Amino acid sequence: MSFPKRQLLLLSSSALHGTKYMEWSADHVKEFMNRNNVEKILFVPYALHDQQKYTETARDALTKLGYTVEGIHEASDPVDAVKQAQAIFIGGGNTFRLLKLLYENKVVDEINRRVLQDGVPYMGSSAGTNVSTVSINTTNDMPIVYPPTFAALNLVPFNINPHYMDPIPGSKHMGETREDRIKQYHEYEDSPPVVGLREGSLIAVQGDTVTLVGLKPARLFQRSQEPKEYEPNSDLSFLLKTCKKT
């Protein structure tokens, strides 16, 4: 199904080593928000325990870029806050806690509707990128709480593994690599493709166009296929056309 109004900015992380919160992606964020005439951003801090402190961190960074920020927990009605939002930004933290609170606050369907039907810009970072996809099955986080389902916002018909890490040459670590774990996920039928998104990279979605942006290549995993590397500025739009919903 085509969603011509869909606009997403999906970051692997909000900060890189040696940079401040949202610093590395500031130009991408400004281009994305300004293109959509956004003045106020609804921030969703559900992935961290101290929601107010997290909101203040995001507010400080985004105010410097020229935007006002409202934390969804500061609104009297979270569903109404989503209905009124000019743009939505879901931050990182623990993906299981994030998804649990999205369901508890009954905003999953409304976020999906506003983004896919109304064209409200959506920005995610880390866990916020995880929940933009089909499911959180490919998150790296520990299940510290149990959401009612692993099904996520389904804004794109594939999954993402933020903070994707390559094996360290010469390492004697005996645990599974990220690639091992994603291949285990693909042992199940109808599991969608997974984009291994390295730090300093993001996925930009505009309508039916998907572009890899940033500093690093991404590694694409598909069931019964060998992983494939894609360089920055690669067109990944085929992921919208060949994926199955699960």
C-alpha atoms as a PDB file:
ATOM      1  CA  MET A   1       0.000   0.000   0.000  1.00  0.00           C
ATOM      2  CA  SER A   2       1.254   3.471  -0.872  1.00  0.00           C
ATOM      3  CA  PHE A   3       1.364   6.263   1.712  1.00  0.00           C
ATOM      4  CA  PRO A   4       2.325   9.412  -0.256  1.00  0.00           C
ATOM      5  CA  LYS A   5       2.178  11.645   2.836  1.00  0.00           C
ATOM      6  CA  ARG A   6       4.518   9.531   4.987  1.00  0.00           C
ATOM      7  CA  GLN A   7       7.547  11.473   6.268  1.00  0.00           C
ATOM      8  CA  LEU A   8      10.008   9.822   8.636  1.00  0.00           C
ATOM      9  CA  LEU A   9      13.481  10.548   9.968  1.00  0.00           C
ATOM     10  CA  LEU A  10      14.789   7.426  11.711  1.00  0.00           C
ATOM     11  CA  LEU A  11      18.087   7.866  13.554  1.00  0.00           C
ATOM     12  CA  SER A  12      20.265   5.022  14.778  1.00  0.00           C
ATOM     13  CA  SER A  13      21.122   7.137  17.823  1.00  0.00           C
ATOM     14  CA  SER A  14      20.718  10.632  19.225  1.00  0.00           C
ATOM     15  CA  ALA A  15      24.440  11.122  19.927  1.00  0.00           C
ATOM     16  CA  LEU A  16      27.813   9.916  18.723  1.00  0.00           C
ATOM     17  CA  HIS A  17      30.969   9.527  20.755  1.00  0.00           C
ATOM     18  CA  GLY A  18      32.310  12.975  21.510  1.00  0.00           C
ATOM     19  CA  THR A  19      29.125  14.823  20.521  1.00  0.00           C
ATOM     20  CA  LYS A  20      26.197  16.285  22.438  1.00  0.00           C
ATOM     21  CA  TYR A  21      22.588  15.104  22.298  1.00  0.00           C
ATOM     22  CA  MET A  22      21.187  15.560  18.729  1.00  0.00           C
ATOM     23  CA  GLU A  23      24.344  17.371  17.627  1.00  0.00           C
ATOM     24  CA  TRP A  24      25.436  15.025  14.840  1.00  0.00           C
ATOM     25  CA  SER A  25      21.991  15.022  13.230  1.00  0.00           C
ATOM     26  CA  ALA A  26      21.144  18.729  13.698  1.00  0.00           C
ATOM     27  CA  ASP A  27      21.296  19.656  10.008  1.00  0.00           C
ATOM     28  CA  HIS A  28      19.160  16.679   9.039  1.00  0.00           C
ATOM     29  CA  VAL A  29      16.619  17.509  11.739  1.00  0.00           C
ATOM     30  CA  LYS A  30      16.372  21.163  10.692  1.00  0.00           C
ATOM     31  CA  GLU A  31      15.938  20.297   7.027  1.00  0.00           C
ATOM     32  CA  PHE A  32      13.274  17.744   7.899  1.00  0.00           C
ATOM     33  CA  MET A  33      11.307  19.977  10.271  1.00  0.00           C
ATOM     34  CA  ASN A  34      11.660  23.199   8.287  1.00  0.00           C
ATOM     35  CA  ARG A  35      10.544  21.503   5.083  1.00  0.00           C
ATOM     36  CA  ASN A  36       7.313  20.707   6.898  1.00  0.00           C
ATOM     37  CA  ASN A  37       6.946  24.164   8.511  1.00  0.00           C
ATOM     38  CA  VAL A  38       7.171  22.657  12.001  1.00  0.00           C
ATOM     39  CA  GLU A  39       7.381  25.064  14.929  1.00  0.00           C
ATOM     40  CA  LYS A  40       6.404  22.755  17.801  1.00  0.00           C
ATOM     41  CA  ILE A  41       7.432  19.131  18.361  1.00  0.00           C
ATOM     42  CA  LEU A  42       5.617  16.602  20.537  1.00  0.00           C
ATOM     43  CA  PHE A  43       8.290  14.618  22.352  1.00  0.00           C
ATOM     44  CA  VAL A  44       7.556  11.121  23.661  1.00  0.00           C
ATOM     45  CA  PRO A  45       9.939  10.252  26.554  1.00  0.00           C
ATOM     46  CA  TYR A  46       8.371   6.904  27.478  1.00  0.00           C
ATOM     47  CA  ALA A  47      11.577   4.911  26.892  1.00  0.00           C
ATOM     48  CA  LEU A  48      13.260   6.323  30.029  1.00  0.00           C
ATOM     49  CA  HIS A  49      12.102   6.252  33.647  1.00  0.00           C
ATOM     50  CA  ASP A  50      12.605   9.968  34.364  1.00  0.00           C
ATOM     51  CA  GLN A  51      10.349  11.346  31.666  1.00  0.00           C
ATOM     52  CA  GLN A  52      10.589  14.971  32.762  1.00  0.00           C
ATOM     53  CA  LYS A  53      14.386  15.005  32.837  1.00  0.00           C
ATOM     54  CA  TYR A  54      14.473  13.353  29.426  1.00  0.00           C
ATOM     55  CA  THR A  55      12.035  15.917  28.042  1.00  0.00           C
ATOM     56  CA  GLU A  56      14.197  18.749  29.354  1.00  0.00           C
ATOM     57  CA  THR A  57      17.209  17.255  27.583  1.00  0.00           C
ATOM     58  CA  ALA A  58      15.318  17.088  24.308  1.00  0.00           C
ATOM     59  CA  ARG A  59      13.800  20.528  24.852  1.00  0.00           C
ATOM     60  CA  ASP A  60      17.196  22.095  25.428  1.00  0.00           C
ATOM     61  CA  ALA A  61      18.655  20.599  22.252  1.00  0.00           C
ATOM     62  CA  LEU A  62      15.668  21.278  20.005  1.00  0.00           C
ATOM     63  CA  THR A  63      15.074  24.793  21.333  1.00  0.00           C
ATOM     64  CA  LYS A  64      18.579  25.657  20.147  1.00  0.00           C
ATOM     65  CA  LEU A  65      17.535  24.485  16.687  1.00  0.00           C
ATOM     66  CA  GLY A  66      14.509  26.802  16.752  1.00  0.00           C
ATOM     67  CA  TYR A  67      11.633  24.599  17.924  1.00  0.00           C
ATOM     68  CA  THR A  68       9.411  24.490  20.971  1.00  0.00           C
ATOM     69  CA  VAL A  69       8.898  21.115  22.629  1.00  0.00           C
ATOM     70  CA  GLU A  70       6.007  19.624  24.576  1.00  0.00           C
ATOM     71  CA  GLY A  71       6.417  16.345  26.421  1.00  0.00           C
ATOM     72  CA  ILE A  72       3.474  14.052  25.814  1.00  0.00           C
ATOM     73  CA  HIS A  73       3.371  13.306  29.548  1.00  0.00           C
ATOM     74  CA  GLU A  74       2.869  17.034  30.188  1.00  0.00           C
ATOM     75  CA  ALA A  75      -0.408  17.033  28.251  1.00  0.00           C
ATOM     76  CA  SER A  76      -3.711  16.334  30.008  1.00  0.00           C
ATOM     77  CA  ASP A  77      -4.656  13.782  27.338  1.00  0.00           C
ATOM     78  CA  PRO A  78      -1.890  11.975  25.393  1.00  0.00           C
ATOM     79  CA  VAL A  79      -4.233  10.936  22.569  1.00  0.00           C
ATOM     80  CA  ASP A  80      -5.383  14.525  22.104  1.00  0.00           C
ATOM     81  CA  ALA A  81      -1.737  15.655  22.170  1.00  0.00           C
ATOM     82  CA  VAL A  82      -1.011  13.324  19.255  1.00  0.00           C
ATOM     83  CA  LYS A  83      -4.110  14.572  17.417  1.00  0.00           C
ATOM     84  CA  GLN A  84      -2.866  18.161  17.733  1.00  0.00           C
ATOM     85  CA  ALA A  85       0.831  17.510  17.054  1.00  0.00           C
ATOM     86  CA  GLN A  86       2.703  19.304  14.278  1.00  0.00           C
ATOM     87  CA  ALA A  87       5.490  16.705  14.510  1.00  0.00           C
ATOM     88  CA  ILE A  88       6.227  13.688  16.693  1.00  0.00           C
ATOM     89  CA  PHE A  89       9.624  12.727  18.080  1.00  0.00           C
ATOM     90  CA  ILE A  90      10.033   9.482  20.032  1.00  0.00           C
ATOM     91  CA  GLY A  91      13.348   9.248  21.853  1.00  0.00           C
ATOM     92  CA  GLY A  92      15.530   6.308  22.764  1.00  0.00           C
ATOM     93  CA  GLY A  93      15.925   4.206  25.879  1.00  0.00           C
ATOM     94  CA  ASN A  94      14.394   0.822  26.611  1.00  0.00           C
ATOM     95  CA  THR A  95      12.239  -0.325  23.713  1.00  0.00           C
ATOM     96  CA  PHE A  96      10.084  -2.680  25.802  1.00  0.00           C
ATOM     97  CA  ARG A  97       9.181   0.069  28.286  1.00  0.00           C
ATOM     98  CA  LEU A  98       8.524   2.460  25.400  1.00  0.00           C
ATOM     99  CA  LEU A  99       6.136   0.140  23.586  1.00  0.00           C
ATOM    100  CA  LYS A 100       4.347  -0.816  26.800  1.00  0.00           C
ATOM    101  CA  LEU A 101       3.625   2.833  27.596  1.00  0.00           C
ATOM    102  CA  LEU A 102       2.579   3.619  24.034  1.00  0.00           C
ATOM    103  CA  TYR A 103      -0.089   0.936  24.366  1.00  0.00           C
ATOM    104  CA  GLU A 104      -1.057   1.889  27.911  1.00  0.00           C
ATOM    105  CA  ASN A 105      -1.591   5.486  26.838  1.00  0.00           C
ATOM    106  CA  LYS A 106      -3.585   4.327  23.796  1.00  0.00           C
ATOM    107  CA  VAL A 107      -1.562   6.330  21.271  1.00  0.00           C
ATOM    108  CA  VAL A 108      -0.345   3.559  18.937  1.00  0.00           C
ATOM    109  CA  ASP A 109      -3.251   3.741  16.498  1.00  0.00           C
ATOM    110  CA  GLU A 110      -3.412   7.530  16.605  1.00  0.00           C
ATOM    111  CA  ILE A 111       0.299   7.939  15.854  1.00  0.00           C
ATOM    112  CA  ASN A 112      -0.035   5.506  12.955  1.00  0.00           C
ATOM    113  CA  ARG A 113      -3.031   7.419  11.586  1.00  0.00           C
ATOM    114  CA  ARG A 114      -1.476  10.858  11.934  1.00  0.00           C
ATOM    115  CA  VAL A 115       1.765   9.825  10.256  1.00  0.00           C
ATOM    116  CA  LEU A 116       0.429   7.664   7.433  1.00  0.00           C
ATOM    117  CA  GLN A 117      -2.804   9.508   6.684  1.00  0.00           C
ATOM    118  CA  ASP A 118      -2.247  13.096   7.808  1.00  0.00           C
ATOM    119  CA  GLY A 119       1.438  13.288   6.890  1.00  0.00           C
ATOM    120  CA  VAL A 120       2.604  14.445  10.321  1.00  0.00           C
ATOM    121  CA  PRO A 121       6.432  14.246  10.395  1.00  0.00           C
ATOM    122  CA  TYR A 122       7.759  11.472  12.611  1.00  0.00           C
ATOM    123  CA  MET A 123      11.279  11.387  14.020  1.00  0.00           C
ATOM    124  CA  GLY A 124      12.637   8.462  15.988  1.00  0.00           C
ATOM    125  CA  SER A 125      15.957   7.777  17.637  1.00  0.00           C
ATOM    126  CA  SER A 126      17.164   4.348  18.776  1.00  0.00           C
ATOM    127  CA  ALA A 127      14.120   2.872  20.572  1.00  0.00           C
ATOM    128  CA  GLY A 128      11.987   5.473  18.811  1.00  0.00           C
ATOM    129  CA  THR A 129      13.274   4.087  15.530  1.00  0.00           C
ATOM    130  CA  ASN A 130      12.628   0.523  16.681  1.00  0.00           C
ATOM    131  CA  VAL A 131       8.941   1.220  17.363  1.00  0.00           C
ATOM    132  CA  SER A 132       8.439   2.883  13.982  1.00  0.00           C
ATOM    133  CA  THR A 133       8.776  -0.507  12.297  1.00  0.00           C
ATOM    134  CA  VAL A 134       6.762  -3.708  12.055  1.00  0.00           C
ATOM    135  CA  SER A 135       7.833  -5.000  15.462  1.00  0.00           C
ATOM    136  CA  ILE A 136      10.414  -4.662  18.220  1.00  0.00           C
ATOM    137  CA  ASN A 137      11.639  -8.230  17.667  1.00  0.00           C
ATOM    138  CA  THR A 138      15.026  -6.957  16.507  1.00  0.00           C
ATOM    139  CA  THR A 139      15.761  -4.535  19.335  1.00  0.00           C
ATOM    140  CA  ASN A 140      18.945  -4.968  21.374  1.00  0.00           C
ATOM    141  CA  ASP A 141      17.267  -4.166  24.699  1.00  0.00           C
ATOM    142  CA  MET A 142      16.451  -6.334  27.694  1.00  0.00           C
ATOM    143  CA  PRO A 143      12.721  -6.992  28.325  1.00  0.00           C
ATOM    144  CA  ILE A 144      12.581  -5.186  31.676  1.00  0.00           C
ATOM    145  CA  VAL A 145       8.791  -4.932  31.258  1.00  0.00           C
ATOM    146  CA  TYR A 146       6.351  -6.814  29.074  1.00  0.00           C
ATOM    147  CA  PRO A 147       4.302  -4.919  26.463  1.00  0.00           C
ATOM    148  CA  PRO A 148       1.001  -6.484  25.393  1.00  0.00           C
ATOM    149  CA  THR A 149       2.492  -7.333  21.998  1.00  0.00           C
ATOM    150  CA  PHE A 150       5.755  -6.893  20.118  1.00  0.00           C
ATOM    151  CA  ALA A 151       3.829  -5.361  17.182  1.00  0.00           C
ATOM    152  CA  ALA A 152       4.871  -1.729  16.836  1.00  0.00           C
ATOM    153  CA  LEU A 153       3.686   1.412  15.004  1.00  0.00           C
ATOM    154  CA  ASN A 154       4.112  -0.194  11.554  1.00  0.00           C
ATOM    155  CA  LEU A 155       5.027   3.060   9.822  1.00  0.00           C
ATOM    156  CA  VAL A 156       7.304   1.057   7.507  1.00  0.00           C
ATOM    157  CA  PRO A 157       6.940  -2.637   6.539  1.00  0.00           C
ATOM    158  CA  PHE A 158      10.442  -3.677   7.617  1.00  0.00           C
ATOM    159  CA  ASN A 159      12.467  -3.798  10.826  1.00  0.00           C
ATOM    160  CA  ILE A 160      15.555  -1.886  11.914  1.00  0.00           C
ATOM    161  CA  ASN A 161      18.389  -2.819  14.250  1.00  0.00           C
ATOM    162  CA  PRO A 162      19.710   0.526  15.550  1.00  0.00           C
ATOM    163  CA  HIS A 163      23.266   0.700  16.905  1.00  0.00           C
ATOM    164  CA  TYR A 164      24.209  -2.166  14.587  1.00  0.00           C
ATOM    165  CA  MET A 165      27.718  -3.384  15.434  1.00  0.00           C
ATOM    166  CA  ASP A 166      30.089  -5.429  13.302  1.00  0.00           C
ATOM    167  CA  PRO A 167      32.179  -8.235  14.840  1.00  0.00           C
ATOM    168  CA  ILE A 168      35.488  -6.975  16.207  1.00  0.00           C
ATOM    169  CA  PRO A 169      38.396  -8.606  14.317  1.00  0.00           C
ATOM    170  CA  GLY A 170      40.392 -10.859  16.606  1.00  0.00           C
ATOM    171  CA  SER A 171      37.808 -10.735  19.406  1.00  0.00           C
ATOM    172  CA  LYS A 172      37.620 -13.836  21.614  1.00  0.00           C
ATOM    173  CA  HIS A 173      34.079 -13.031  22.711  1.00  0.00           C
ATOM    174  CA  MET A 174      31.984 -16.204  22.395  1.00  0.00           C
ATOM    175  CA  GLY A 175      28.511 -14.646  22.408  1.00  0.00           C
ATOM    176  CA  GLU A 176      26.355 -14.216  19.332  1.00  0.00           C
ATOM    177  CA  THR A 177      27.057 -11.267  17.054  1.00  0.00           C
ATOM    178  CA  ARG A 178      24.308  -8.919  15.937  1.00  0.00           C
ATOM    179  CA  GLU A 179      24.366 -10.689  12.587  1.00  0.00           C
ATOM    180  CA  ASP A 180      23.873 -14.056  14.312  1.00  0.00           C
ATOM    181  CA  ARG A 181      20.845 -12.776  16.215  1.00  0.00           C
ATOM    182  CA  ILE A 182      19.216 -11.224  13.166  1.00  0.00           C
ATOM    183  CA  LYS A 183      19.733 -14.458  11.221  1.00  0.00           C
ATOM    184  CA  GLN A 184      18.007 -16.309  14.078  1.00  0.00           C
ATOM    185  CA  TYR A 185      15.052 -13.953  13.648  1.00  0.00           C
ATOM    186  CA  HIS A 186      14.946 -14.814   9.961  1.00  0.00           C
ATOM    187  CA  GLU A 187      14.642 -18.514  10.717  1.00  0.00           C
ATOM    188  CA  TYR A 188      10.927 -17.785  11.040  1.00  0.00           C
ATOM    189  CA  GLU A 189       8.714 -17.488   7.984  1.00  0.00           C
ATOM    190  CA  ASP A 190       7.279 -14.098   7.022  1.00  0.00           C
ATOM    191  CA  SER A 191       9.919 -12.263   9.061  1.00  0.00           C
ATOM    192  CA  PRO A 192      10.502  -8.934   7.260  1.00  0.00           C
ATOM    193  CA  PRO A 193      13.873  -7.561   6.176  1.00  0.00           C
ATOM    194  CA  VAL A 194      16.036  -5.941   8.852  1.00  0.00           C
ATOM    195  CA  VAL A 195      18.236  -2.918   8.254  1.00  0.00           C
ATOM    196  CA  GLY A 196      21.342  -2.971  10.454  1.00  0.00           C
ATOM    197  CA  LEU A 197      21.721   0.779  11.038  1.00  0.00           C
ATOM    198  CA  ARG A 198      25.169   1.762  12.249  1.00  0.00           C
ATOM    199  CA  GLU A 199      25.881   4.781  14.470  1.00  0.00           C
ATOM    200  CA  GLY A 200      25.914   8.087  12.619  1.00  0.00           C
ATOM    201  CA  SER A 201      23.351   6.933  10.080  1.00  0.00           C
ATOM    202  CA  LEU A 202      19.638   7.421   9.544  1.00  0.00           C
ATOM    203  CA  ILE A 203      16.863   6.355   7.244  1.00  0.00           C
ATOM    204  CA  ALA A 204      14.803   9.094   5.598  1.00  0.00           C
ATOM    205  CA  VAL A 205      11.373   8.179   4.263  1.00  0.00           C
ATOM    206  CA  GLN A 206       9.366  10.538   2.103  1.00  0.00           C
ATOM    207  CA  GLY A 207       6.231   9.010   0.681  1.00  0.00           C
ATOM    208  CA  ASP A 208       7.367   5.899  -1.155  1.00  0.00           C
ATOM    209  CA  THR A 209      11.049   6.866  -1.207  1.00  0.00           C
ATOM    210  CA  VAL A 210      13.521   5.472   1.345  1.00  0.00           C
ATOM    211  CA  THR A 211      17.087   6.793   1.483  1.00  0.00           C
ATOM    212  CA  LEU A 212      20.031   5.812   3.651  1.00  0.00           C
ATOM    213  CA  VAL A 213      21.675   8.980   4.957  1.00  0.00           C
ATOM    214  CA  GLY A 214      24.698   9.670   7.124  1.00  0.00           C
ATOM    215  CA  LEU A 215      28.230   8.544   7.784  1.00  0.00           C
ATOM    216  CA  LYS A 216      28.185   4.744   7.531  1.00  0.00           C
ATOM    217  CA  PRO A 217      26.910   1.998   5.247  1.00  0.00           C
ATOM    218  CA  ALA A 218      23.953  -0.063   6.411  1.00  0.00           C
ATOM    219  CA  ARG A 219      23.735  -3.852   6.348  1.00  0.00           C
ATOM    220  CA  LEU A 220      20.524  -5.340   4.982  1.00  0.00           C
ATOM    221  CA  PHE A 221      19.365  -8.772   6.130  1.00  0.00           C
ATOM    222  CA  GLN A 222      16.646 -10.680   4.297  1.00  0.00           C
ATOM    223  CA  ARG A 223      15.375 -14.164   4.960  1.00  0.00           C
ATOM    224  CA  SER A 224      17.171 -16.860   2.933  1.00  0.00           C
ATOM    225  CA  GLN A 225      19.571 -14.308   1.430  1.00  0.00           C
ATOM    226  CA  GLU A 226      23.128 -13.271   2.161  1.00  0.00           C
ATOM    227  CA  PRO A 227      23.450  -9.889   3.933  1.00  0.00           C
ATOM    228  CA  LYS A 228      24.189  -6.955   1.650  1.00  0.00           C
ATOM    229  CA  GLU A 229      25.928  -3.631   2.312  1.00  0.00           C
ATOM    230  CA  TYR A 230      24.451  -0.323   1.140  1.00  0.00           C
ATOM    231  CA  GLU A 231      26.479   2.886   1.056  1.00  0.00           C
ATOM    232  CA  PRO A 232      25.185   6.266   2.294  1.00  0.00           C
ATOM    233  CA  ASN A 233      22.732   7.911  -0.127  1.00  0.00           C
ATOM    234  CA  SER A 234      21.563   4.505  -1.362  1.00  0.00           C
ATOM    235  CA  ASP A 235      17.948   4.215  -2.472  1.00  0.00           C
ATOM    236  CA  LEU A 236      16.204   1.588  -0.333  1.00  0.00           C
ATOM    237  CA  SER A 237      12.703   2.276  -1.639  1.00  0.00           C
ATOM    238  CA  PHE A 238      12.364  -1.343  -2.750  1.00  0.00           C
ATOM    239  CA  LEU A 239      11.867  -2.245   0.921  1.00  0.00           C
ATOM    240  CA  LEU A 240       8.437  -0.608   0.806  1.00  0.00           C
ATOM    241  CA  LYS A 241       7.380  -2.661  -2.182  1.00  0.00           C
ATOM    242  CA  THR A 242       8.683  -6.139  -1.423  1.00  0.00           C
ATOM    243  CA  CYS A 243       8.082  -6.510   2.307  1.00  0.00           C
ATOM    244  CA  LYS A 244       5.314  -8.505   3.915  1.00  0.00           C
ATOM    245  CA  LYS A 245       3.480  -7.298   6.955  1.00  0.00           C
ATOM    246  CA  THR A 246       3.759  -9.561   9.969  1.00  0.00           C
END
